[in-house]
């Protein structure tokens, strides 16, 4: 019976790594590197285990980033970008996290988003197609999280597909763009895309 009562305790009374991190929001001045490494670890590990606490942990993580981004902007940005391209199985997790952060601190979200966009452009310029695919997929999740407008996302997809209409068409490049777009579309909510004009959506789907 005692165990049953323990299990029925309110979840916000349970302590986890994100609670302990918040308790350390004012770290000793002589331990900045330790705090930085713990922050990086929390970003990487978020969503590793599917549990009912994931929503709570994401909300707490968004609060931590809102506070600590100013202290370690480069670490947060580089870790986020690595997670997007190296942990694609958690694309939805990191999309939701940025959406929650956007609700708390739009300025931090904007700076972090700009870093991610710059990394995506760099990968495109270097023909790093796998990374480009993961970034475009992630941007689709940001549509779901109300960080990117659906119309802006469709404009991005159309820009990628513009290679198909170029006079000096490079077949391999065009194939990559078509594949990346088709691979990304299923990650975007149909309800979100339905907010766009029919013609704008059809421009992406129409056979060129």
N, C-alpha and C. Protein backbone atom coordinates (compact mmCIF):
# COMPACT_ATOMS: atom_id res chain seq x y z
N UNK A 1 0.82 -1.20 0.00
CA UNK A 1 0.00 0.00 0.00
C UNK A 1 0.86 1.26 0.00
N UNK A 2 1.97 1.22 0.79
CA UNK A 2 2.87 2.38 0.84
C UNK A 2 3.42 2.68 -0.53
N UNK A 3 3.78 1.61 -1.30
CA UNK A 3 4.33 1.82 -2.64
C UNK A 3 3.30 2.48 -3.54
N UNK A 4 2.02 2.09 -3.37
CA UNK A 4 0.97 2.68 -4.20
C UNK A 4 0.88 4.18 -3.96
N UNK A 5 0.94 4.58 -2.68
CA UNK A 5 0.90 6.00 -2.37
C UNK A 5 2.11 6.73 -2.92
N UNK A 6 3.27 6.06 -2.92
CA UNK A 6 4.47 6.69 -3.48
C UNK A 6 4.30 6.95 -4.97
N UNK A 7 3.68 5.97 -5.66
CA UNK A 7 3.49 6.12 -7.10
C UNK A 7 2.46 7.18 -7.43
N UNK A 8 1.57 7.49 -6.44
CA UNK A 8 0.52 8.47 -6.68
C UNK A 8 0.94 9.88 -6.32
N UNK A 9 2.20 10.06 -5.92
CA UNK A 9 2.67 11.39 -5.60
C UNK A 9 2.64 12.27 -6.84
N UNK A 10 2.38 13.58 -6.68
CA UNK A 10 2.43 14.48 -7.85
C UNK A 10 3.79 14.42 -8.50
N UNK A 11 3.80 14.41 -9.81
CA UNK A 11 5.06 14.26 -10.54
C UNK A 11 6.00 15.41 -10.29
N UNK A 12 5.46 16.60 -10.02
CA UNK A 12 6.37 17.72 -9.84
C UNK A 12 7.13 17.66 -8.52
N UNK A 13 6.86 16.64 -7.70
CA UNK A 13 7.63 16.44 -6.48
C UNK A 13 8.80 15.50 -6.71
N UNK A 14 8.84 14.87 -7.87
CA UNK A 14 9.90 13.94 -8.18
C UNK A 14 11.12 14.70 -8.68
N UNK A 15 12.25 14.27 -8.28
CA UNK A 15 13.48 14.97 -8.65
C UNK A 15 14.19 14.22 -9.76
N UNK A 16 14.65 14.93 -10.76
CA UNK A 16 15.40 14.33 -11.87
C UNK A 16 16.58 15.21 -12.20
N UNK A 17 17.32 14.86 -13.24
CA UNK A 17 18.51 15.63 -13.60
C UNK A 17 18.20 17.08 -13.93
N UNK A 18 16.99 17.34 -14.48
CA UNK A 18 16.64 18.70 -14.86
C UNK A 18 16.28 19.53 -13.63
N UNK A 19 15.74 18.86 -12.59
CA UNK A 19 15.51 19.56 -11.32
C UNK A 19 16.83 19.93 -10.67
N UNK A 20 17.77 18.98 -10.67
CA UNK A 20 19.05 19.25 -10.04
C UNK A 20 19.81 20.36 -10.77
N UNK A 21 19.67 20.40 -12.11
CA UNK A 21 20.34 21.45 -12.85
C UNK A 21 19.76 22.82 -12.49
N UNK A 22 18.44 22.90 -12.33
CA UNK A 22 17.82 24.17 -12.00
C UNK A 22 18.25 24.63 -10.61
N UNK A 23 18.49 23.68 -9.71
CA UNK A 23 18.97 24.04 -8.39
C UNK A 23 20.37 24.61 -8.46
N UNK A 24 21.08 24.34 -9.58
CA UNK A 24 22.43 24.83 -9.75
C UNK A 24 22.49 26.01 -10.72
N UNK A 25 21.33 26.69 -10.90
CA UNK A 25 21.31 27.83 -11.82
C UNK A 25 22.28 28.93 -11.39
N UNK A 26 22.63 28.95 -10.11
CA UNK A 26 23.64 29.89 -9.63
C UNK A 26 24.88 29.11 -9.22
N UNK A 27 25.66 28.64 -10.20
CA UNK A 27 26.80 27.78 -9.92
C UNK A 27 27.93 28.56 -9.27
N UNK A 28 28.82 27.88 -8.56
CA UNK A 28 30.00 28.55 -8.01
C UNK A 28 30.81 29.15 -9.15
N UNK A 29 31.38 30.32 -8.91
CA UNK A 29 32.08 31.02 -9.98
C UNK A 29 33.33 30.27 -10.43
N UNK A 30 33.81 29.32 -9.61
CA UNK A 30 35.02 28.61 -9.98
C UNK A 30 34.74 27.31 -10.72
N UNK A 31 33.49 27.06 -11.14
CA UNK A 31 33.16 25.82 -11.83
C UNK A 31 32.44 26.05 -13.15
N UNK A 32 32.80 27.03 -13.95
CA UNK A 32 32.07 27.28 -15.20
C UNK A 32 32.17 26.13 -16.18
N UNK A 33 33.33 25.47 -16.26
CA UNK A 33 33.49 24.38 -17.22
C UNK A 33 32.60 23.20 -16.84
N UNK A 34 32.48 22.92 -15.54
CA UNK A 34 31.62 21.82 -15.10
C UNK A 34 30.17 22.11 -15.45
N UNK A 35 29.72 23.33 -15.23
CA UNK A 35 28.35 23.70 -15.55
C UNK A 35 28.11 23.60 -17.06
N UNK A 36 29.09 24.04 -17.83
CA UNK A 36 28.99 23.99 -19.29
C UNK A 36 28.87 22.56 -19.79
N UNK A 37 29.66 21.65 -19.23
CA UNK A 37 29.63 20.25 -19.64
C UNK A 37 28.32 19.59 -19.22
N UNK A 38 27.81 19.96 -18.04
CA UNK A 38 26.52 19.39 -17.60
C UNK A 38 25.39 19.85 -18.51
N UNK A 39 25.46 21.13 -18.90
CA UNK A 39 24.44 21.66 -19.80
C UNK A 39 24.47 20.93 -21.14
N UNK A 40 25.66 20.73 -21.68
CA UNK A 40 25.81 19.99 -22.93
C UNK A 40 25.27 18.58 -22.81
N UNK A 41 25.56 17.93 -21.69
CA UNK A 41 25.09 16.56 -21.45
C UNK A 41 23.58 16.50 -21.39
N UNK A 42 22.96 17.48 -20.73
CA UNK A 42 21.50 17.50 -20.62
C UNK A 42 20.84 17.64 -21.99
N UNK A 43 21.41 18.49 -22.85
CA UNK A 43 20.85 18.68 -24.19
C UNK A 43 20.95 17.37 -24.98
N UNK A 44 22.08 16.71 -24.89
CA UNK A 44 22.28 15.48 -25.65
C UNK A 44 21.37 14.36 -25.17
N UNK A 45 21.18 14.26 -23.85
CA UNK A 45 20.45 13.13 -23.28
C UNK A 45 18.94 13.32 -23.24
N UNK A 46 18.46 14.54 -23.45
CA UNK A 46 17.02 14.77 -23.38
C UNK A 46 16.29 13.88 -24.38
N UNK A 47 15.28 13.17 -23.91
CA UNK A 47 14.49 12.31 -24.79
C UNK A 47 15.09 10.96 -25.07
N UNK A 48 16.19 10.61 -24.39
CA UNK A 48 16.80 9.30 -24.61
C UNK A 48 15.85 8.17 -24.21
N UNK A 49 15.09 8.41 -23.16
CA UNK A 49 14.15 7.41 -22.67
C UNK A 49 12.72 7.91 -22.86
N UNK A 50 11.92 7.12 -23.55
CA UNK A 50 10.52 7.48 -23.74
C UNK A 50 9.77 7.20 -22.44
N UNK A 51 9.25 8.25 -21.83
CA UNK A 51 8.53 8.09 -20.58
C UNK A 51 7.50 9.20 -20.45
N UNK A 52 6.63 9.04 -19.47
CA UNK A 52 5.59 10.04 -19.25
C UNK A 52 6.17 11.35 -18.73
N UNK A 53 7.43 11.32 -18.32
CA UNK A 53 8.08 12.53 -17.80
C UNK A 53 8.72 13.36 -18.89
N UNK A 54 8.67 12.92 -20.14
CA UNK A 54 9.37 13.63 -21.21
C UNK A 54 8.87 15.06 -21.36
N UNK A 55 7.57 15.25 -21.31
CA UNK A 55 7.02 16.60 -21.46
C UNK A 55 7.51 17.51 -20.34
N UNK A 56 7.53 16.98 -19.12
CA UNK A 56 8.00 17.76 -17.97
C UNK A 56 9.48 18.11 -18.14
N UNK A 57 10.27 17.12 -18.55
CA UNK A 57 11.71 17.34 -18.72
C UNK A 57 12.00 18.35 -19.83
N UNK A 58 11.23 18.30 -20.91
CA UNK A 58 11.41 19.26 -22.00
C UNK A 58 11.10 20.68 -21.53
N UNK A 59 10.05 20.82 -20.76
CA UNK A 59 9.69 22.13 -20.23
C UNK A 59 10.78 22.67 -19.31
N UNK A 60 11.31 21.80 -18.46
CA UNK A 60 12.39 22.22 -17.56
C UNK A 60 13.66 22.55 -18.35
N UNK A 61 13.94 21.75 -19.39
CA UNK A 61 15.13 22.00 -20.20
C UNK A 61 15.02 23.34 -20.92
N UNK A 62 13.81 23.67 -21.38
CA UNK A 62 13.59 24.97 -22.04
C UNK A 62 13.88 26.11 -21.06
N UNK A 63 13.48 25.93 -19.80
CA UNK A 63 13.77 26.94 -18.79
C UNK A 63 15.26 27.09 -18.54
N UNK A 64 15.97 25.97 -18.51
CA UNK A 64 17.41 26.00 -18.30
C UNK A 64 18.11 26.74 -19.45
N UNK A 65 17.69 26.42 -20.70
CA UNK A 65 18.30 27.07 -21.86
C UNK A 65 17.99 28.57 -21.87
N UNK A 66 16.79 28.93 -21.48
CA UNK A 66 16.42 30.34 -21.43
C UNK A 66 17.34 31.12 -20.51
N UNK A 67 17.77 30.46 -19.41
CA UNK A 67 18.63 31.11 -18.43
C UNK A 67 20.11 31.03 -18.79
N UNK A 68 20.53 29.86 -19.26
CA UNK A 68 21.97 29.60 -19.41
C UNK A 68 22.52 29.84 -20.81
N UNK A 69 21.65 30.09 -21.80
CA UNK A 69 22.16 30.31 -23.16
C UNK A 69 23.13 31.49 -23.19
N UNK A 70 22.79 32.56 -22.49
CA UNK A 70 23.63 33.75 -22.50
C UNK A 70 25.03 33.47 -21.96
N UNK A 71 25.14 32.47 -21.08
CA UNK A 71 26.43 32.15 -20.49
C UNK A 71 27.29 31.31 -21.44
N UNK A 72 26.63 30.40 -22.18
CA UNK A 72 27.37 29.47 -23.05
C UNK A 72 26.72 29.38 -24.43
N UNK A 73 26.61 30.50 -25.16
CA UNK A 73 25.89 30.47 -26.44
C UNK A 73 26.52 29.54 -27.47
N UNK A 74 27.85 29.52 -27.56
CA UNK A 74 28.51 28.69 -28.56
C UNK A 74 28.33 27.21 -28.24
N UNK A 75 28.41 26.85 -26.97
CA UNK A 75 28.24 25.45 -26.58
C UNK A 75 26.82 24.98 -26.87
N UNK A 76 25.84 25.80 -26.52
CA UNK A 76 24.45 25.43 -26.76
C UNK A 76 24.19 25.27 -28.25
N UNK A 77 24.66 26.23 -29.05
CA UNK A 77 24.42 26.20 -30.50
C UNK A 77 25.10 25.00 -31.14
N UNK A 78 26.37 24.76 -30.81
CA UNK A 78 27.09 23.65 -31.43
C UNK A 78 26.50 22.31 -31.01
N UNK A 79 26.06 22.21 -29.76
CA UNK A 79 25.46 20.96 -29.29
C UNK A 79 24.12 20.72 -29.99
N UNK A 80 23.33 21.75 -30.12
CA UNK A 80 22.04 21.64 -30.79
C UNK A 80 22.23 21.17 -32.23
N UNK A 81 23.17 21.79 -32.94
CA UNK A 81 23.40 21.44 -34.34
C UNK A 81 23.89 19.99 -34.47
N UNK A 82 24.73 19.57 -33.57
CA UNK A 82 25.23 18.19 -33.60
C UNK A 82 24.10 17.21 -33.33
N UNK A 83 23.23 17.56 -32.40
CA UNK A 83 22.11 16.67 -32.07
C UNK A 83 21.15 16.52 -33.26
N UNK A 84 20.93 17.62 -33.99
CA UNK A 84 20.02 17.57 -35.14
C UNK A 84 20.55 16.64 -36.22
N UNK A 85 21.86 16.68 -36.47
CA UNK A 85 22.42 15.89 -37.56
C UNK A 85 22.92 14.51 -37.13
N UNK A 86 23.23 14.32 -35.86
CA UNK A 86 23.77 13.05 -35.40
C UNK A 86 22.78 12.21 -34.60
N UNK A 87 21.68 12.82 -34.18
CA UNK A 87 20.64 12.08 -33.46
C UNK A 87 19.29 12.31 -34.15
N UNK A 88 19.19 11.95 -35.43
CA UNK A 88 17.96 12.25 -36.19
C UNK A 88 16.73 11.51 -35.65
N UNK A 89 16.95 10.44 -34.87
CA UNK A 89 15.81 9.75 -34.29
C UNK A 89 15.09 10.59 -33.24
N UNK A 90 15.74 11.70 -32.82
CA UNK A 90 15.12 12.57 -31.83
C UNK A 90 14.78 13.95 -32.43
N UNK A 91 14.55 13.97 -33.74
CA UNK A 91 14.20 15.23 -34.40
C UNK A 91 13.00 15.89 -33.75
N UNK A 92 11.96 15.11 -33.47
CA UNK A 92 10.75 15.66 -32.87
C UNK A 92 11.02 16.22 -31.47
N UNK A 93 11.91 15.58 -30.74
CA UNK A 93 12.25 16.05 -29.38
C UNK A 93 12.89 17.43 -29.44
N UNK A 94 13.87 17.59 -30.32
CA UNK A 94 14.56 18.88 -30.40
C UNK A 94 13.70 19.96 -31.06
N UNK A 95 12.78 19.56 -31.92
CA UNK A 95 11.83 20.52 -32.46
C UNK A 95 10.89 21.03 -31.38
N UNK A 96 10.38 20.11 -30.56
CA UNK A 96 9.51 20.50 -29.46
C UNK A 96 10.25 21.37 -28.45
N UNK A 97 11.50 21.02 -28.18
CA UNK A 97 12.30 21.79 -27.22
C UNK A 97 12.47 23.24 -27.68
N UNK A 98 12.76 23.44 -28.97
CA UNK A 98 12.92 24.81 -29.46
C UNK A 98 11.58 25.55 -29.43
N UNK A 99 10.49 24.82 -29.67
CA UNK A 99 9.18 25.45 -29.59
C UNK A 99 8.86 25.92 -28.17
N UNK A 100 9.18 25.10 -27.18
CA UNK A 100 8.96 25.48 -25.78
C UNK A 100 9.87 26.64 -25.39
N UNK A 101 11.11 26.62 -25.88
CA UNK A 101 12.03 27.72 -25.61
C UNK A 101 11.51 29.00 -26.24
N UNK A 102 10.93 28.91 -27.42
CA UNK A 102 10.39 30.08 -28.11
C UNK A 102 9.27 30.73 -27.30
N UNK A 103 8.48 29.91 -26.61
CA UNK A 103 7.40 30.44 -25.79
C UNK A 103 7.93 31.16 -24.55
N UNK A 104 9.13 30.77 -24.11
CA UNK A 104 9.73 31.37 -22.92
C UNK A 104 10.62 32.56 -23.24
N UNK A 105 11.39 32.42 -24.32
CA UNK A 105 12.39 33.45 -24.61
C UNK A 105 12.60 33.52 -26.12
N UNK A 106 11.87 34.42 -26.76
CA UNK A 106 11.93 34.51 -28.22
C UNK A 106 13.31 34.96 -28.70
N UNK A 107 13.95 35.84 -27.94
CA UNK A 107 15.26 36.36 -28.36
C UNK A 107 16.30 35.24 -28.44
N UNK A 108 16.35 34.39 -27.42
CA UNK A 108 17.29 33.27 -27.42
C UNK A 108 16.96 32.31 -28.56
N UNK A 109 15.68 32.03 -28.75
CA UNK A 109 15.27 31.13 -29.82
C UNK A 109 15.69 31.67 -31.18
N UNK A 110 15.52 32.96 -31.38
CA UNK A 110 15.88 33.59 -32.65
C UNK A 110 17.38 33.44 -32.94
N UNK A 111 18.20 33.67 -31.92
CA UNK A 111 19.65 33.56 -32.10
C UNK A 111 20.06 32.11 -32.37
N UNK A 112 19.44 31.19 -31.65
CA UNK A 112 19.76 29.79 -31.85
C UNK A 112 19.29 29.32 -33.22
N UNK A 113 18.12 29.76 -33.62
CA UNK A 113 17.59 29.40 -34.94
C UNK A 113 18.48 29.93 -36.06
N UNK A 114 18.97 31.16 -35.90
CA UNK A 114 19.86 31.74 -36.91
C UNK A 114 21.13 30.89 -37.06
N UNK A 115 21.66 30.40 -35.94
CA UNK A 115 22.85 29.54 -35.99
C UNK A 115 22.56 28.25 -36.74
N UNK A 116 21.38 27.69 -36.52
CA UNK A 116 21.01 26.43 -37.17
C UNK A 116 20.83 26.65 -38.68
N UNK A 117 20.20 27.75 -39.05
CA UNK A 117 20.02 28.07 -40.47
C UNK A 117 21.37 28.26 -41.15
N UNK A 118 22.29 28.95 -40.48
CA UNK A 118 23.63 29.16 -41.05
C UNK A 118 24.35 27.83 -41.26
N UNK A 119 24.18 26.91 -40.32
CA UNK A 119 24.81 25.59 -40.44
C UNK A 119 24.20 24.81 -41.60
N UNK A 120 22.88 24.94 -41.78
CA UNK A 120 22.21 24.25 -42.88
C UNK A 120 22.70 24.78 -44.23
N UNK A 121 22.86 26.09 -44.33
CA UNK A 121 23.36 26.69 -45.57
C UNK A 121 24.79 26.23 -45.86
N UNK A 122 25.59 26.14 -44.81
CA UNK A 122 26.96 25.69 -44.98
C UNK A 122 27.00 24.24 -45.47
N UNK A 123 26.15 23.40 -44.91
CA UNK A 123 26.09 22.00 -45.34
C UNK A 123 25.64 21.89 -46.79
N UNK A 124 24.70 22.75 -47.18
CA UNK A 124 24.24 22.76 -48.57
C UNK A 124 25.36 23.17 -49.51
N UNK A 125 26.12 24.19 -49.11
CA UNK A 125 27.23 24.65 -49.94
C UNK A 125 28.33 23.60 -50.07
N UNK A 126 28.47 22.76 -49.05
CA UNK A 126 29.50 21.72 -49.06
C UNK A 126 28.97 20.39 -49.62
N UNK A 127 27.71 20.39 -50.07
CA UNK A 127 27.08 19.18 -50.61
C UNK A 127 27.04 18.05 -49.58
N UNK A 128 26.82 18.40 -48.34
CA UNK A 128 26.66 17.41 -47.27
C UNK A 128 25.19 17.03 -47.19
N UNK A 129 24.78 16.18 -48.13
CA UNK A 129 23.36 15.93 -48.35
C UNK A 129 22.67 15.29 -47.15
N UNK A 130 23.36 14.42 -46.45
CA UNK A 130 22.74 13.78 -45.28
C UNK A 130 22.39 14.83 -44.23
N UNK A 131 23.32 15.74 -43.98
CA UNK A 131 23.05 16.80 -43.00
C UNK A 131 21.93 17.72 -43.49
N UNK A 132 21.95 18.04 -44.78
CA UNK A 132 20.90 18.90 -45.33
C UNK A 132 19.54 18.25 -45.13
N UNK A 133 19.47 16.95 -45.37
CA UNK A 133 18.20 16.24 -45.19
C UNK A 133 17.71 16.35 -43.75
N UNK A 134 18.60 16.19 -42.80
CA UNK A 134 18.22 16.26 -41.39
C UNK A 134 17.83 17.68 -40.98
N UNK A 135 18.52 18.68 -41.52
CA UNK A 135 18.16 20.06 -41.20
C UNK A 135 16.77 20.40 -41.76
N UNK A 136 16.51 20.02 -43.01
CA UNK A 136 15.22 20.33 -43.62
C UNK A 136 14.10 19.58 -42.87
N UNK A 137 14.37 18.37 -42.46
CA UNK A 137 13.41 17.62 -41.65
C UNK A 137 13.15 18.35 -40.33
N UNK A 138 14.22 18.85 -39.72
CA UNK A 138 14.09 19.56 -38.45
C UNK A 138 13.26 20.83 -38.61
N UNK A 139 13.49 21.54 -39.71
CA UNK A 139 12.70 22.74 -39.95
C UNK A 139 11.21 22.39 -40.08
N UNK A 140 10.91 21.23 -40.63
CA UNK A 140 9.53 20.77 -40.68
C UNK A 140 8.94 20.59 -39.29
N UNK A 141 9.74 20.05 -38.38
CA UNK A 141 9.29 19.91 -36.99
C UNK A 141 9.08 21.28 -36.35
N UNK A 142 9.87 22.26 -36.76
CA UNK A 142 9.70 23.60 -36.21
C UNK A 142 8.40 24.24 -36.70
N UNK A 143 7.90 23.80 -37.84
CA UNK A 143 6.57 24.23 -38.28
C UNK A 143 5.54 23.70 -37.30
N UNK A 144 5.67 22.43 -36.94
CA UNK A 144 4.74 21.82 -35.97
C UNK A 144 4.79 22.53 -34.62
N UNK A 145 5.99 23.02 -34.27
CA UNK A 145 6.19 23.65 -32.96
C UNK A 145 5.91 25.16 -32.99
N UNK A 146 5.37 25.66 -34.10
CA UNK A 146 5.02 27.08 -34.23
C UNK A 146 6.23 28.01 -34.15
N UNK A 147 7.37 27.52 -34.57
CA UNK A 147 8.55 28.37 -34.64
C UNK A 147 8.71 28.94 -36.05
N UNK A 148 8.37 28.14 -37.05
CA UNK A 148 8.43 28.55 -38.46
C UNK A 148 7.01 28.55 -39.02
N UNK A 149 6.69 29.57 -39.80
CA UNK A 149 5.39 29.61 -40.45
C UNK A 149 5.34 28.58 -41.57
N UNK A 150 4.20 27.91 -41.75
CA UNK A 150 4.08 26.91 -42.83
C UNK A 150 4.43 27.48 -44.20
N UNK A 151 4.01 28.72 -44.46
CA UNK A 151 4.28 29.33 -45.77
C UNK A 151 5.78 29.51 -45.98
N UNK A 152 6.50 29.89 -44.93
CA UNK A 152 7.94 30.07 -45.04
C UNK A 152 8.63 28.74 -45.30
N UNK A 153 8.11 27.68 -44.71
CA UNK A 153 8.71 26.35 -44.92
C UNK A 153 8.48 25.90 -46.36
N UNK A 154 7.30 26.14 -46.89
CA UNK A 154 7.04 25.76 -48.28
C UNK A 154 7.91 26.57 -49.24
N UNK A 155 8.17 27.82 -48.89
CA UNK A 155 9.09 28.63 -49.71
C UNK A 155 10.49 28.00 -49.71
N UNK A 156 10.91 27.50 -48.56
CA UNK A 156 12.21 26.83 -48.47
C UNK A 156 12.25 25.61 -49.38
N UNK A 157 11.21 24.80 -49.34
CA UNK A 157 11.17 23.60 -50.17
C UNK A 157 11.17 23.95 -51.65
N UNK A 158 10.45 25.01 -51.99
CA UNK A 158 10.43 25.44 -53.39
C UNK A 158 11.80 25.94 -53.83
N UNK A 159 12.51 26.61 -52.94
CA UNK A 159 13.85 27.07 -53.27
C UNK A 159 14.78 25.88 -53.54
N UNK A 160 14.63 24.84 -52.76
CA UNK A 160 15.45 23.64 -52.97
C UNK A 160 15.12 22.98 -54.30
N UNK A 161 13.84 22.99 -54.65
CA UNK A 161 13.41 22.34 -55.89
C UNK A 161 13.68 23.19 -57.13
N UNK A 162 14.11 24.42 -56.92
CA UNK A 162 14.40 25.28 -58.06
C UNK A 162 15.48 24.69 -58.95
N UNK A 163 16.32 23.84 -58.37
CA UNK A 163 17.39 23.21 -59.16
C UNK A 163 16.84 22.39 -60.31
N UNK A 164 15.62 21.88 -60.14
CA UNK A 164 15.00 21.05 -61.18
C UNK A 164 14.69 21.87 -62.42
N UNK A 165 14.47 23.18 -62.24
CA UNK A 165 14.08 24.04 -63.35
C UNK A 165 15.25 24.77 -64.00
N UNK A 166 16.45 24.54 -63.51
CA UNK A 166 17.60 25.24 -64.05
C UNK A 166 17.91 24.74 -65.46
N UNK A 167 18.32 25.64 -66.36
CA UNK A 167 18.58 25.24 -67.76
C UNK A 167 19.72 24.22 -67.88
N UNK A 168 20.79 24.45 -67.13
CA UNK A 168 21.92 23.50 -67.14
C UNK A 168 21.75 22.52 -66.00
N UNK A 169 20.75 21.69 -66.14
CA UNK A 169 20.36 20.78 -65.06
C UNK A 169 21.44 19.74 -64.78
N UNK A 170 21.82 19.65 -63.51
CA UNK A 170 22.72 18.58 -63.06
C UNK A 170 21.84 17.51 -62.41
N UNK A 171 21.72 16.39 -63.08
CA UNK A 171 20.76 15.37 -62.66
C UNK A 171 20.98 14.92 -61.22
N UNK A 172 22.22 14.67 -60.85
CA UNK A 172 22.49 14.16 -59.51
C UNK A 172 22.10 15.17 -58.43
N UNK A 173 22.36 16.46 -58.71
CA UNK A 173 22.01 17.51 -57.76
C UNK A 173 20.50 17.63 -57.63
N UNK A 174 19.82 17.63 -58.77
CA UNK A 174 18.36 17.72 -58.76
C UNK A 174 17.74 16.53 -58.03
N UNK A 175 18.29 15.35 -58.25
CA UNK A 175 17.79 14.15 -57.57
C UNK A 175 17.91 14.29 -56.06
N UNK A 176 19.04 14.85 -55.62
CA UNK A 176 19.24 15.05 -54.17
C UNK A 176 18.19 15.99 -53.60
N UNK A 177 17.91 17.09 -54.31
CA UNK A 177 16.94 18.05 -53.82
C UNK A 177 15.54 17.45 -53.73
N UNK A 178 15.17 16.70 -54.76
CA UNK A 178 13.84 16.07 -54.76
C UNK A 178 13.73 15.06 -53.62
N UNK A 179 14.78 14.27 -53.44
CA UNK A 179 14.79 13.29 -52.36
C UNK A 179 14.68 13.96 -50.99
N UNK A 180 15.44 15.04 -50.78
CA UNK A 180 15.43 15.74 -49.49
C UNK A 180 14.04 16.30 -49.19
N UNK A 181 13.40 16.89 -50.20
CA UNK A 181 12.06 17.46 -50.00
C UNK A 181 11.04 16.36 -49.70
N UNK A 182 11.07 15.29 -50.49
CA UNK A 182 10.12 14.19 -50.26
C UNK A 182 10.33 13.53 -48.91
N UNK A 183 11.58 13.47 -48.46
CA UNK A 183 11.87 12.87 -47.17
C UNK A 183 11.42 13.75 -46.01
N UNK A 184 11.33 15.06 -46.24
CA UNK A 184 10.97 15.99 -45.17
C UNK A 184 9.47 16.18 -45.02
N UNK A 185 8.74 16.12 -46.11
CA UNK A 185 7.30 16.43 -46.07
C UNK A 185 6.50 15.62 -45.04
N UNK A 186 6.75 14.31 -44.89
CA UNK A 186 5.96 13.55 -43.92
C UNK A 186 6.14 14.01 -42.47
N UNK A 187 7.16 14.80 -42.20
CA UNK A 187 7.41 15.26 -40.83
C UNK A 187 6.60 16.50 -40.47
N UNK A 188 5.93 17.08 -41.45
CA UNK A 188 5.16 18.30 -41.20
C UNK A 188 3.68 17.94 -41.07
N UNK A 189 3.05 18.50 -40.05
CA UNK A 189 1.63 18.23 -39.83
C UNK A 189 0.79 18.69 -41.01
N UNK A 190 -0.10 17.82 -41.46
CA UNK A 190 -0.98 18.17 -42.57
C UNK A 190 -1.87 19.35 -42.18
N UNK A 191 -2.27 19.41 -40.91
CA UNK A 191 -3.11 20.52 -40.45
C UNK A 191 -2.37 21.85 -40.56
N UNK A 192 -1.06 21.83 -40.28
CA UNK A 192 -0.29 23.06 -40.38
C UNK A 192 -0.15 23.49 -41.84
N UNK A 193 0.12 22.53 -42.72
CA UNK A 193 0.26 22.87 -44.14
C UNK A 193 -1.05 23.33 -44.74
N UNK A 194 -2.16 22.86 -44.18
CA UNK A 194 -3.47 23.25 -44.72
C UNK A 194 -3.76 24.73 -44.50
N UNK A 195 -2.97 25.37 -43.65
CA UNK A 195 -3.14 26.80 -43.41
C UNK A 195 -2.63 27.63 -44.59
N UNK A 196 -1.84 27.00 -45.46
CA UNK A 196 -1.30 27.71 -46.62
C UNK A 196 -2.28 27.66 -47.78
N UNK A 197 -2.06 28.56 -48.73
CA UNK A 197 -2.88 28.56 -49.93
C UNK A 197 -2.66 27.25 -50.70
N UNK A 198 -3.71 26.77 -51.34
CA UNK A 198 -3.61 25.53 -52.10
C UNK A 198 -2.52 25.61 -53.15
N UNK A 199 -2.44 26.75 -53.83
CA UNK A 199 -1.46 26.88 -54.91
C UNK A 199 -0.03 26.78 -54.37
N UNK A 200 0.20 27.35 -53.19
CA UNK A 200 1.54 27.34 -52.62
C UNK A 200 1.97 25.92 -52.27
N UNK A 201 1.03 25.14 -51.71
CA UNK A 201 1.33 23.75 -51.39
C UNK A 201 1.50 22.94 -52.67
N UNK A 202 0.66 23.21 -53.65
CA UNK A 202 0.70 22.45 -54.89
C UNK A 202 1.98 22.71 -55.66
N UNK A 203 2.57 23.89 -55.48
CA UNK A 203 3.82 24.20 -56.18
C UNK A 203 4.94 23.25 -55.78
N UNK A 204 4.88 22.77 -54.53
CA UNK A 204 5.90 21.82 -54.05
C UNK A 204 5.63 20.43 -54.60
N UNK A 205 4.36 20.06 -54.65
CA UNK A 205 4.01 18.68 -54.99
C UNK A 205 3.91 18.43 -56.49
N UNK A 206 3.71 19.49 -57.28
CA UNK A 206 3.48 19.30 -58.71
C UNK A 206 4.72 18.75 -59.38
N UNK A 207 4.51 17.90 -60.35
CA UNK A 207 5.63 17.34 -61.11
C UNK A 207 6.16 18.39 -62.06
N UNK A 208 7.44 18.69 -61.94
CA UNK A 208 8.04 19.72 -62.78
C UNK A 208 8.43 19.15 -64.15
